[in-house]
C-alpha atoms as a PDB file:
ATOM      1  CA  MET A   1       5.672 -36.724  73.384  1.00  0.00           C
ATOM      2  CA  VAL A   2       5.941 -34.418  76.390  1.00  0.00           C
ATOM      3  CA  SER A   3       3.314 -31.682  76.365  1.00  0.00           C
ATOM      4  CA  TRP A   4       4.780 -28.246  76.744  1.00  0.00           C
ATOM      5  CA  ALA A   5       1.631 -27.173  78.555  1.00  0.00           C
ATOM      6  CA  PHE A   6       3.087 -29.005  81.562  1.00  0.00           C
ATOM      7  CA  ALA A   7       6.782 -28.482  80.895  1.00  0.00           C
ATOM      8  CA  GLN A   8       8.865 -25.921  82.690  1.00  0.00           C
ATOM      9  CA  SER A   9      10.280 -23.382  80.263  1.00  0.00           C
ATOM     10  CA  PRO A  10      12.944 -22.473  79.461  1.00  0.00           C
ATOM     11  CA  LEU A  11      14.436 -25.939  79.725  1.00  0.00           C
ATOM     12  CA  SER A  12      18.043 -27.012  79.902  1.00  0.00           C
ATOM     13  CA  ILE A  13      19.697 -28.727  76.946  1.00  0.00           C
ATOM     14  CA  ALA A  14      19.596 -32.001  78.882  1.00  0.00           C
ATOM     15  CA  GLU A  15      15.848 -31.667  79.506  1.00  0.00           C
ATOM     16  CA  LEU A  16      15.160 -30.729  75.901  1.00  0.00           C
ATOM     17  CA  ALA A  17      17.150 -33.743  74.732  1.00  0.00           C
ATOM     18  CA  ARG A  18      14.770 -36.053  76.604  1.00  0.00           C
ATOM     19  CA  LEU A  19      11.702 -34.777  74.750  1.00  0.00           C
ATOM     20  CA  SER A  20      10.356 -36.256  71.526  1.00  0.00           C
ATOM     21  CA  TYR A  21       9.656 -34.157  68.465  1.00  0.00           C
ATOM     22  CA  GLY A  22       7.471 -34.300  65.394  1.00  0.00           C
ATOM     23  CA  GLY A  23       4.050 -35.826  64.952  1.00  0.00           C
ATOM     24  CA  GLY A  24       1.389 -34.619  62.570  1.00  0.00           C
ATOM     25  CA  THR A  25       1.607 -33.569  58.946  1.00  0.00           C
ATOM     26  CA  LEU A  26       2.796 -30.571  56.969  1.00  0.00           C
ATOM     27  CA  VAL A  27      -0.063 -29.419  54.741  1.00  0.00           C
ATOM     28  CA  ALA A  28       0.067 -27.098  51.727  1.00  0.00           C
ATOM     29  CA  GLU A  29      -3.031 -24.925  52.075  1.00  0.00           C
ATOM     30  CA  ARG A  30      -2.765 -22.979  48.830  1.00  0.00           C
ATOM     31  CA  VAL A  31      -0.415 -21.673  46.161  1.00  0.00           C
ATOM     32  CA  LEU A  32       0.966 -18.223  46.954  1.00  0.00           C
ATOM     33  CA  GLU A  33       3.029 -17.724  43.797  1.00  0.00           C
ATOM     34  CA  ARG A  34       4.266 -19.553  40.719  1.00  0.00           C
ATOM     35  CA  THR A  35       7.660 -18.587  39.312  1.00  0.00           C
ATOM     36  CA  PRO A  36       9.620 -20.149  36.430  1.00  0.00           C
ATOM     37  CA  ALA A  37      11.901 -21.912  38.921  1.00  0.00           C
ATOM     38  CA  PHE A  38       9.682 -22.813  41.878  1.00  0.00           C
ATOM     39  CA  THR A  39       6.161 -22.727  43.311  1.00  0.00           C
ATOM     40  CA  ARG A  40       5.513 -21.053  46.654  1.00  0.00           C
ATOM     41  CA  TYR A  41       2.903 -22.581  48.969  1.00  0.00           C
ATOM     42  CA  LEU A  42       1.303 -21.444  52.209  1.00  0.00           C
ATOM     43  CA  VAL A  43       1.971 -24.351  54.588  1.00  0.00           C
ATOM     44  CA  ARG A  44       0.783 -25.360  58.030  1.00  0.00           C
ATOM     45  CA  TYR A  45       2.185 -27.846  60.529  1.00  0.00           C
ATOM     46  CA  PRO A  46       1.538 -28.664  64.223  1.00  0.00           C
ATOM     47  CA  SER A  47       3.804 -27.875  67.163  1.00  0.00           C
ATOM     48  CA  ASP A  48       3.003 -27.823  70.868  1.00  0.00           C
ATOM     49  CA  GLY A  49      -0.731 -28.070  70.132  1.00  0.00           C
ATOM     50  CA  LEU A  50      -0.550 -24.968  67.917  1.00  0.00           C
ATOM     51  CA  SER A  51      -0.959 -24.486  64.181  1.00  0.00           C
ATOM     52  CA  MET A  52       2.247 -23.059  62.765  1.00  0.00           C
ATOM     53  CA  TYR A  53       2.339 -21.423  59.348  1.00  0.00           C
ATOM     54  CA  GLY A  54       4.932 -20.326  56.847  1.00  0.00           C
ATOM     55  CA  PHE A  55       5.770 -20.735  53.200  1.00  0.00           C
ATOM     56  CA  MET A  56       7.473 -23.491  51.249  1.00  0.00           C
ATOM     57  CA  ASN A  57       9.236 -23.109  47.909  1.00  0.00           C
ATOM     58  CA  VAL A  58       9.297 -26.266  45.785  1.00  0.00           C
ATOM     59  CA  PRO A  59      11.461 -26.411  42.646  1.00  0.00           C
ATOM     60  CA  ASN A  60       9.447 -26.983  39.485  1.00  0.00           C
ATOM     61  CA  ALA A  61      12.031 -29.351  38.002  1.00  0.00           C
ATOM     62  CA  PRO A  62      11.354 -33.096  38.224  1.00  0.00           C
ATOM     63  CA  GLY A  63      12.903 -35.113  41.003  1.00  0.00           C
ATOM     64  CA  ARG A  64      13.363 -34.789  44.749  1.00  0.00           C
ATOM     65  CA  PHE A  65      15.431 -32.175  46.531  1.00  0.00           C
ATOM     66  CA  PRO A  66      17.169 -31.584  49.877  1.00  0.00           C
ATOM     67  CA  VAL A  67      15.424 -29.279  52.345  1.00  0.00           C
ATOM     68  CA  VAL A  68      16.728 -26.048  53.848  1.00  0.00           C
ATOM     69  CA  ILE A  69      14.741 -24.520  56.721  1.00  0.00           C
ATOM     70  CA  VAL A  70      15.274 -20.750  56.674  1.00  0.00           C
ATOM     71  CA  ILE A  71      14.775 -19.219  60.141  1.00  0.00           C
ATOM     72  CA  HIS A  72      14.023 -15.511  60.355  1.00  0.00           C
ATOM     73  CA  GLY A  73      15.475 -13.088  62.874  1.00  0.00           C
ATOM     74  CA  TYR A  74      13.596 -10.696  65.109  1.00  0.00           C
ATOM     75  CA  VAL A  75      10.794  -8.776  63.429  1.00  0.00           C
ATOM     76  CA  ASN A  76       8.126  -6.911  65.389  1.00  0.00           C
ATOM     77  CA  PRO A  77       5.337  -9.521  65.574  1.00  0.00           C
ATOM     78  CA  ALA A  78       2.724  -6.776  65.116  1.00  0.00           C
ATOM     79  CA  THR A  79       4.047  -5.960  61.654  1.00  0.00           C
ATOM     80  CA  TYR A  80       5.322  -9.397  60.610  1.00  0.00           C
ATOM     81  CA  ARG A  81       3.826 -10.932  57.472  1.00  0.00           C
ATOM     82  CA  ILE A  82       4.097 -14.395  55.886  1.00  0.00           C
ATOM     83  CA  LEU A  83       6.761 -13.128  53.492  1.00  0.00           C
ATOM     84  CA  ALA A  84       9.479 -11.654  55.700  1.00  0.00           C
ATOM     85  CA  TYR A  85      12.807 -10.016  54.864  1.00  0.00           C
ATOM     86  CA  THR A  86      14.381 -13.485  54.731  1.00  0.00           C
ATOM     87  CA  THR A  87      12.209 -14.454  51.749  1.00  0.00           C
ATOM     88  CA  ARG A  88      15.051 -13.559  49.372  1.00  0.00           C
ATOM     89  CA  TYR A  89      17.310 -16.201  50.957  1.00  0.00           C
ATOM     90  CA  ALA A  90      14.655 -18.901  50.640  1.00  0.00           C
ATOM     91  CA  ASP A  91      13.942 -17.889  47.042  1.00  0.00           C
ATOM     92  CA  HIS A  92      17.618 -17.945  46.067  1.00  0.00           C
ATOM     93  CA  LEU A  93      18.089 -21.442  47.472  1.00  0.00           C
ATOM     94  CA  ALA A  94      14.893 -22.695  45.807  1.00  0.00           C
ATOM     95  CA  ARG A  95      16.159 -21.464  42.436  1.00  0.00           C
ATOM     96  CA  ALA A  96      19.364 -23.422  43.158  1.00  0.00           C
ATOM     97  CA  GLY A  97      17.429 -26.666  43.605  1.00  0.00           C
ATOM     98  CA  PHE A  98      16.437 -26.925  47.268  1.00  0.00           C
ATOM     99  CA  VAL A  99      13.011 -27.245  48.852  1.00  0.00           C
ATOM    100  CA  THR A 100      13.009 -24.275  51.220  1.00  0.00           C
ATOM    101  CA  ILE A 101      10.665 -23.984  54.174  1.00  0.00           C
ATOM    102  CA  HIS A 102      10.349 -20.604  55.873  1.00  0.00           C
ATOM    103  CA  PRO A 103       8.384 -21.045  59.120  1.00  0.00           C
ATOM    104  CA  ASN A 104       6.701 -18.096  60.788  1.00  0.00           C
ATOM    105  CA  LEU A 105       7.576 -18.495  64.461  1.00  0.00           C
ATOM    106  CA  ARG A 106       4.783 -18.569  67.039  1.00  0.00           C
ATOM    107  CA  GLY A 107       2.867 -15.321  67.272  1.00  0.00           C
ATOM    108  CA  HIS A 108       4.148 -14.205  63.860  1.00  0.00           C
ATOM    109  CA  GLY A 109       1.929 -13.966  60.793  1.00  0.00           C
ATOM    110  CA  LEU A 110      -0.738 -16.656  60.901  1.00  0.00           C
ATOM    111  CA  SER A 111       1.116 -18.842  63.429  1.00  0.00           C
ATOM    112  CA  GLN A 112      -0.728 -19.344  66.690  1.00  0.00           C
ATOM    113  CA  GLY A 113       0.667 -18.690  70.148  1.00  0.00           C
ATOM    114  CA  SER A 114       2.439 -15.757  71.762  1.00  0.00           C
ATOM    115  CA  PRO A 115       5.868 -14.502  70.678  1.00  0.00           C
ATOM    116  CA  GLU A 116       8.700 -15.630  72.911  1.00  0.00           C
ATOM    117  CA  GLN A 117      10.216 -12.792  74.934  1.00  0.00           C
ATOM    118  CA  GLY A 118      13.315 -14.266  76.561  1.00  0.00           C
ATOM    119  CA  ALA A 119      16.845 -14.726  75.304  1.00  0.00           C
ATOM    120  CA  SER A 120      16.777 -18.541  75.186  1.00  0.00           C
ATOM    121  CA  ARG A 121      14.031 -18.883  72.532  1.00  0.00           C
ATOM    122  CA  VAL A 122      13.408 -22.485  73.596  1.00  0.00           C
ATOM    123  CA  LEU A 123       9.839 -22.544  72.273  1.00  0.00           C
ATOM    124  CA  TYR A 124      10.956 -21.250  68.895  1.00  0.00           C
ATOM    125  CA  ALA A 125      13.551 -24.019  68.760  1.00  0.00           C
ATOM    126  CA  ARG A 126      10.835 -26.551  69.603  1.00  0.00           C
ATOM    127  CA  GLU A 127       8.906 -25.471  66.497  1.00  0.00           C
ATOM    128  CA  ILE A 128      11.924 -26.050  64.275  1.00  0.00           C
ATOM    129  CA  LEU A 129      12.680 -29.405  65.920  1.00  0.00           C
ATOM    130  CA  ASP A 130       9.086 -30.495  65.309  1.00  0.00           C
ATOM    131  CA  LEU A 131       9.239 -29.253  61.713  1.00  0.00           C
ATOM    132  CA  ALA A 132      12.494 -31.082  60.980  1.00  0.00           C
ATOM    133  CA  ALA A 133      11.086 -34.320  62.409  1.00  0.00           C
ATOM    134  CA  ILE A 134       7.907 -33.958  60.337  1.00  0.00           C
ATOM    135  CA  VAL A 135       9.914 -33.324  57.163  1.00  0.00           C
ATOM    136  CA  ARG A 136      12.001 -36.459  57.701  1.00  0.00           C
ATOM    137  CA  SER A 137       8.979 -38.657  58.383  1.00  0.00           C
ATOM    138  CA  GLN A 138       6.861 -37.223  55.545  1.00  0.00           C
ATOM    139  CA  ALA A 139       9.548 -36.764  52.860  1.00  0.00           C
ATOM    140  CA  GLY A 140       8.385 -38.228  49.557  1.00  0.00           C
ATOM    141  CA  ARG A 141       4.696 -38.001  50.463  1.00  0.00           C
ATOM    142  CA  GLY A 142       1.896 -35.428  50.336  1.00  0.00           C
ATOM    143  CA  ALA A 143       2.998 -31.806  50.350  1.00  0.00           C
ATOM    144  CA  LEU A 144       6.594 -33.036  50.754  1.00  0.00           C
ATOM    145  CA  GLU A 145       6.554 -35.477  47.837  1.00  0.00           C
ATOM    146  CA  LYS A 146       9.493 -33.668  46.195  1.00  0.00           C
ATOM    147  CA  ALA A 147      11.498 -33.405  49.422  1.00  0.00           C
ATOM    148  CA  LEU A 148      14.371 -35.592  50.532  1.00  0.00           C
ATOM    149  CA  PRO A 149      14.838 -36.275  54.275  1.00  0.00           C
ATOM    150  CA  SER A 150      18.178 -34.423  54.111  1.00  0.00           C
ATOM    151  CA  ILE A 151      17.835 -31.183  56.102  1.00  0.00           C
ATOM    152  CA  GLY A 152      19.929 -28.067  56.616  1.00  0.00           C
ATOM    153  CA  LEU A 153      19.278 -24.867  58.548  1.00  0.00           C
ATOM    154  CA  MET A 154      19.969 -21.246  57.633  1.00  0.00           C
ATOM    155  CA  GLY A 155      19.440 -18.783  60.482  1.00  0.00           C
ATOM    156  CA  HIS A 156      19.917 -15.028  60.540  1.00  0.00           C
ATOM    157  CA  SER A 157      20.381 -13.132  63.816  1.00  0.00           C
ATOM    158  CA  MET A 158      17.812 -14.554  66.266  1.00  0.00           C
ATOM    159  CA  GLY A 159      17.296 -17.358  63.743  1.00  0.00           C
ATOM    160  CA  GLY A 160      20.977 -18.234  64.056  1.00  0.00           C
ATOM    161  CA  GLY A 161      20.624 -18.584  67.807  1.00  0.00           C
ATOM    162  CA  ILE A 162      17.636 -20.869  67.289  1.00  0.00           C
ATOM    163  CA  ALA A 163      19.555 -22.903  64.711  1.00  0.00           C
ATOM    164  CA  GLN A 164      22.387 -23.505  67.191  1.00  0.00           C
ATOM    165  CA  ARG A 165      19.973 -24.923  69.782  1.00  0.00           C
ATOM    166  CA  VAL A 166      18.318 -27.131  67.157  1.00  0.00           C
ATOM    167  CA  ALA A 167      21.665 -28.448  65.886  1.00  0.00           C
ATOM    168  CA  VAL A 168      22.746 -29.350  69.419  1.00  0.00           C
ATOM    169  CA  LEU A 169      19.511 -31.288  69.964  1.00  0.00           C
ATOM    170  CA  ASP A 170      18.954 -32.907  66.551  1.00  0.00           C
ATOM    171  CA  PRO A 171      21.890 -35.063  65.409  1.00  0.00           C
ATOM    172  CA  GLN A 172      20.230 -35.661  62.031  1.00  0.00           C
ATOM    173  CA  ILE A 173      20.588 -32.017  60.946  1.00  0.00           C
ATOM    174  CA  ARG A 174      23.355 -32.159  58.332  1.00  0.00           C
ATOM    175  CA  ALA A 175      24.265 -28.510  57.736  1.00  0.00           C
ATOM    176  CA  VAL A 176      23.867 -25.242  59.646  1.00  0.00           C
ATOM    177  CA  LEU A 177      24.576 -21.782  58.226  1.00  0.00           C
ATOM    178  CA  LEU A 178      24.773 -18.999  60.815  1.00  0.00           C
ATOM    179  CA  TYR A 179      24.557 -15.458  59.463  1.00  0.00           C
ATOM    180  CA  GLY A 180      24.911 -12.377  61.670  1.00  0.00           C
ATOM    181  CA  THR A 181      23.973 -14.775  64.425  1.00  0.00           C
ATOM    182  CA  MET A 182      23.090 -14.366  68.053  1.00  0.00           C
ATOM    183  CA  HIS A 183      25.526 -16.023  70.446  1.00  0.00           C
ATOM    184  CA  GLY A 184      25.382 -19.583  71.704  1.00  0.00           C
ATOM    185  CA  ASP A 185      25.682 -18.144  75.216  1.00  0.00           C
ATOM    186  CA  ASP A 186      22.216 -17.213  76.509  1.00  0.00           C
ATOM    187  CA  LEU A 187      23.618 -14.833  79.114  1.00  0.00           C
ATOM    188  CA  LYS A 188      25.351 -12.763  76.433  1.00  0.00           C
ATOM    189  CA  ASN A 189      22.147 -12.755  74.417  1.00  0.00           C
ATOM    190  CA  ALA A 190      20.129 -11.579  77.425  1.00  0.00           C
ATOM    191  CA  ARG A 191      22.526  -8.699  78.011  1.00  0.00           C
ATOM    192  CA  GLN A 192      22.350  -7.678  74.361  1.00  0.00           C
ATOM    193  CA  ILE A 193      18.554  -7.846  74.284  1.00  0.00           C
ATOM    194  CA  CYS A 194      18.171  -5.946  77.555  1.00  0.00           C
ATOM    195  CA  PHE A 195      20.755  -3.192  77.159  1.00  0.00           C
ATOM    196  CA  VAL A 196      21.229  -2.805  73.402  1.00  0.00           C
ATOM    197  CA  PHE A 197      18.125  -3.968  71.561  1.00  0.00           C
ATOM    198  CA  THR A 198      15.304  -2.876  73.863  1.00  0.00           C
ATOM    199  CA  ASN A 199      16.601  -0.267  76.327  1.00  0.00           C
ATOM    200  CA  ARG A 200      15.806  -2.537  79.289  1.00  0.00           C
ATOM    201  CA  GLN A 201      12.346  -3.511  78.004  1.00  0.00           C
ATOM    202  CA  ARG A 202      12.990  -7.234  77.316  1.00  0.00           C
ATOM    203  CA  GLY A 203      15.445  -9.904  78.378  1.00  0.00           C
ATOM    204  CA  CYS A 204      16.442  -8.243  81.627  1.00  0.00           C
ATOM    205  CA  ASP A 205      14.737 -10.736  83.948  1.00  0.00           C
ATOM    206  CA  GLU A 206      17.035 -13.491  82.714  1.00  0.00           C
ATOM    207  CA  LEU A 207      20.033 -11.543  83.962  1.00  0.00           C
ATOM    208  CA  ASN A 208      18.901 -12.542  87.470  1.00  0.00           C
ATOM    209  CA  THR A 209      18.922 -16.251  86.566  1.00  0.00           C
ATOM    210  CA  PRO A 210      21.713 -18.231  88.259  1.00  0.00           C
ATOM    211  CA  ALA A 211      24.773 -18.505  86.052  1.00  0.00           C
ATOM    212  CA  GLN A 212      24.758 -22.305  86.262  1.00  0.00           C
ATOM    213  CA  THR A 213      21.159 -22.427  85.023  1.00  0.00           C
ATOM    214  CA  MET A 214      22.010 -20.180  82.079  1.00  0.00           C
ATOM    215  CA  ALA A 215      25.043 -22.344  81.307  1.00  0.00           C
ATOM    216  CA  GLN A 216      22.879 -25.478  81.220  1.00  0.00           C
ATOM    217  CA  ARG A 217      20.576 -23.806  78.682  1.00  0.00           C
ATOM    218  CA  SER A 218      23.285 -22.364  76.439  1.00  0.00           C
ATOM    219  CA  PRO A 219      24.073 -24.244  73.219  1.00  0.00           C
ATOM    220  CA  VAL A 220      27.693 -23.033  73.243  1.00  0.00           C
ATOM    221  CA  ASN A 221      28.380 -25.406  76.131  1.00  0.00           C
ATOM    222  CA  PHE A 222      27.044 -28.361  74.149  1.00  0.00           C
ATOM    223  CA  TYR A 223      28.556 -27.877  70.705  1.00  0.00           C
ATOM    224  CA  SER A 224      30.156 -31.321  71.053  1.00  0.00           C
ATOM    225  CA  ARG A 225      26.660 -32.736  70.401  1.00  0.00           C
ATOM    226  CA  ILE A 226      26.532 -31.165  66.917  1.00  0.00           C
ATOM    227  CA  ARG A 227      26.858 -33.630  64.044  1.00  0.00           C
ATOM    228  CA  ALA A 228      26.196 -31.094  61.282  1.00  0.00           C
ATOM    229  CA  GLN A 229      28.768 -29.116  59.366  1.00  0.00           C
ATOM    230  CA  VAL A 230      28.592 -25.425  60.280  1.00  0.00           C
ATOM    231  CA  GLN A 231      29.318 -22.194  58.428  1.00  0.00           C
ATOM    232  CA  VAL A 232      29.518 -18.821  60.188  1.00  0.00           C
ATOM    233  CA  HIS A 233      29.122 -15.561  58.204  1.00  0.00           C
ATOM    234  CA  HIS A 234      29.488 -12.207  59.970  1.00  0.00           C
ATOM    235  CA  GLY A 235      30.113  -8.589  59.031  1.00  0.00           C
ATOM    236  CA  THR A 236      32.764  -6.577  60.857  1.00  0.00           C
ATOM    237  CA  ALA A 237      30.451  -3.536  61.051  1.00  0.00           C
ATOM    238  CA  ASP A 238      27.441  -5.385  62.457  1.00  0.00           C
ATOM    239  CA  PRO A 239      25.762  -3.016  64.969  1.00  0.00           C
ATOM    240  CA  GLN A 240      23.319  -5.640  66.294  1.00  0.00           C
ATOM    241  CA  THR A 241      25.246  -8.848  66.906  1.00  0.00           C
ATOM    242  CA  PRO A 242      28.915  -8.033  67.613  1.00  0.00           C
ATOM    243  CA  TYR A 243      31.487  -9.341  65.155  1.00  0.00           C
ATOM    244  CA  ALA A 244      33.507 -10.601  68.129  1.00  0.00           C
ATOM    245  CA  TRP A 245      30.747 -13.129  68.772  1.00  0.00           C
ATOM    246  CA  ALA A 246      31.542 -14.880  65.489  1.00  0.00           C
ATOM    247  CA  GLY A 247      35.118 -15.407  66.631  1.00  0.00           C
ATOM    248  CA  GLU A 248      33.951 -16.805  69.953  1.00  0.00           C
ATOM    249  CA  ILE A 249      31.506 -19.170  68.269  1.00  0.00           C
ATOM    250  CA  CYS A 250      34.145 -20.378  65.818  1.00  0.00           C
ATOM    251  CA  ALA A 251      36.651 -20.935  68.637  1.00  0.00           C
ATOM    252  CA  ALA A 252      34.061 -22.972  70.570  1.00  0.00           C
ATOM    253  CA  LEU A 253      33.239 -25.034  67.464  1.00  0.00           C
ATOM    254  CA  GLN A 254      36.950 -25.705  66.982  1.00  0.00           C
ATOM    255  CA  LYS A 255      37.347 -26.745  70.613  1.00  0.00           C
ATOM    256  CA  SER A 256      34.405 -29.143  70.242  1.00  0.00           C
ATOM    257  CA  ASN A 257      35.797 -30.645  67.020  1.00  0.00           C
ATOM    258  CA  VAL A 258      32.798 -29.530  64.952  1.00  0.00           C
ATOM    259  CA  ARG A 259      33.505 -29.287  61.237  1.00  0.00           C
ATOM    260  CA  HIS A 260      33.121 -25.623  60.401  1.00  0.00           C
ATOM    261  CA  GLN A 261      34.104 -22.668  58.239  1.00  0.00           C
ATOM    262  CA  CYS A 262      34.060 -19.025  59.287  1.00  0.00           C
ATOM    263  CA  PHE A 263      33.800 -16.108  56.865  1.00  0.00           C
ATOM    264  CA  THR A 264      34.447 -12.436  57.564  1.00  0.00           C
ATOM    265  CA  TYR A 265      32.796  -9.656  55.529  1.00  0.00           C
ATOM    266  CA  ARG A 266      34.780  -6.447  55.894  1.00  0.00           C
ATOM    267  CA  GLY A 267      32.564  -3.425  56.494  1.00  0.00           C
ATOM    268  CA  ALA A 268      29.330  -5.425  56.204  1.00  0.00           C
ATOM    269  CA  GLY A 269      26.463  -4.742  58.575  1.00  0.00           C
ATOM    270  CA  HIS A 270      23.797  -6.955  60.070  1.00  0.00           C
ATOM    271  CA  THR A 271      21.951  -7.625  56.803  1.00  0.00           C
ATOM    272  CA  PHE A 272      24.165  -8.075  53.754  1.00  0.00           C
ATOM    273  CA  ARG A 273      23.661  -6.128  50.544  1.00  0.00           C
ATOM    274  CA  GLY A 274      25.331  -5.949  47.132  1.00  0.00           C
ATOM    275  CA  SER A 275      28.479  -8.015  46.660  1.00  0.00           C
ATOM    276  CA  ASP A 276      28.391  -9.233  50.280  1.00  0.00           C
ATOM    277  CA  TYR A 277      24.943 -10.740  49.704  1.00  0.00           C
ATOM    278  CA  THR A 278      26.053 -12.274  46.403  1.00  0.00           C
ATOM    279  CA  THR A 279      29.070 -13.874  48.073  1.00  0.00           C
ATOM    280  CA  LEU A 280      27.003 -15.117  51.015  1.00  0.00           C
ATOM    281  CA  MET A 281      24.466 -16.844  48.798  1.00  0.00           C
ATOM    282  CA  SER A 282      27.106 -18.301  46.499  1.00  0.00           C
ATOM    283  CA  ARG A 283      28.807 -19.817  49.520  1.00  0.00           C
ATOM    284  CA  ALA A 284      25.460 -20.959  50.953  1.00  0.00           C
ATOM    285  CA  THR A 285      24.456 -22.700  47.729  1.00  0.00           C
ATOM    286  CA  THR A 286      27.788 -24.523  47.515  1.00  0.00           C
ATOM    287  CA  PHE A 287      27.713 -25.435  51.218  1.00  0.00           C
ATOM    288  CA  PHE A 288      24.223 -26.909  51.183  1.00  0.00           C
ATOM    289  CA  GLY A 289      24.929 -28.655  47.896  1.00  0.00           C
ATOM    290  CA  GLN A 290      28.009 -30.364  49.298  1.00  0.00           C
ATOM    291  CA  THR A 291      26.503 -31.303  52.662  1.00  0.00           C
ATOM    292  CA  LEU A 292      22.921 -32.185  51.750  1.00  0.00           C
ATOM    293  CA  ARG A 293      23.220 -33.756  48.308  1.00  0.00           C
ATOM    294  CA  ASN A 294      26.149 -36.043  49.058  1.00  0.00           C
ATOM    295  CA  GLY A 295      24.959 -39.451  50.152  1.00  0.00           C
ATOM    296  CA  GLU A 296      21.303 -38.683  49.490  1.00  0.00           C
END
């Protein structure tokens, strides 16, 4: 495994593809909550020499279950806690019969390391790539005794951008759900972070990076590597990640012959509520059921 202490970051997709991922064990440190449908554990796993934390929901029913990794969007690291706003998505999927793992990205909650500031979020993607590799190698044993090695990703906002990079690099990911997602084009993300999200406080340095370098980092230019099925969910009134981005992502997936579905939510914002949320999770449950349970 290449140590990231000596690796240049951010790395191109080609450079990331040459690295190895995984190693180590996911450990359940303690029970956080017991519900009628699932048990929530505080979990820890290694990545890049750091201890990463998060929670894992394990269905209480007998048997083994596919795994969905739920990746959170941007939350101020100073106020982030183990249970983030995305907990409701992980809980819903656990009640539907999936092992759900909700990692706290580096510098968030108990996870070690410093939060990533740039638009590429390469280090965050590394954590998910390591986690997915650990789940596959450990499935059926230890803390993952009820897990199958069949893995999907659900990413909201920044988490959707991370999920795209992971799907491009890990051909064993079987399903990816993008919800109010960041773009697959790192230059567009940098502009949004610099000018819209942070009033020129973050992301601006990357705007000086050569266009060719940004293109080599951007997942959108490598969608042909994706072997997963993809769903894209986006609200037309999203003030954070423009609705037009969803159309561009779907067009690029089509051009790259990636199996995909794209759903529009009229009048919905960046985080779905009410009937939009109900529809999203109904579609998510069906999607992961069809892609992760078939052929298990």
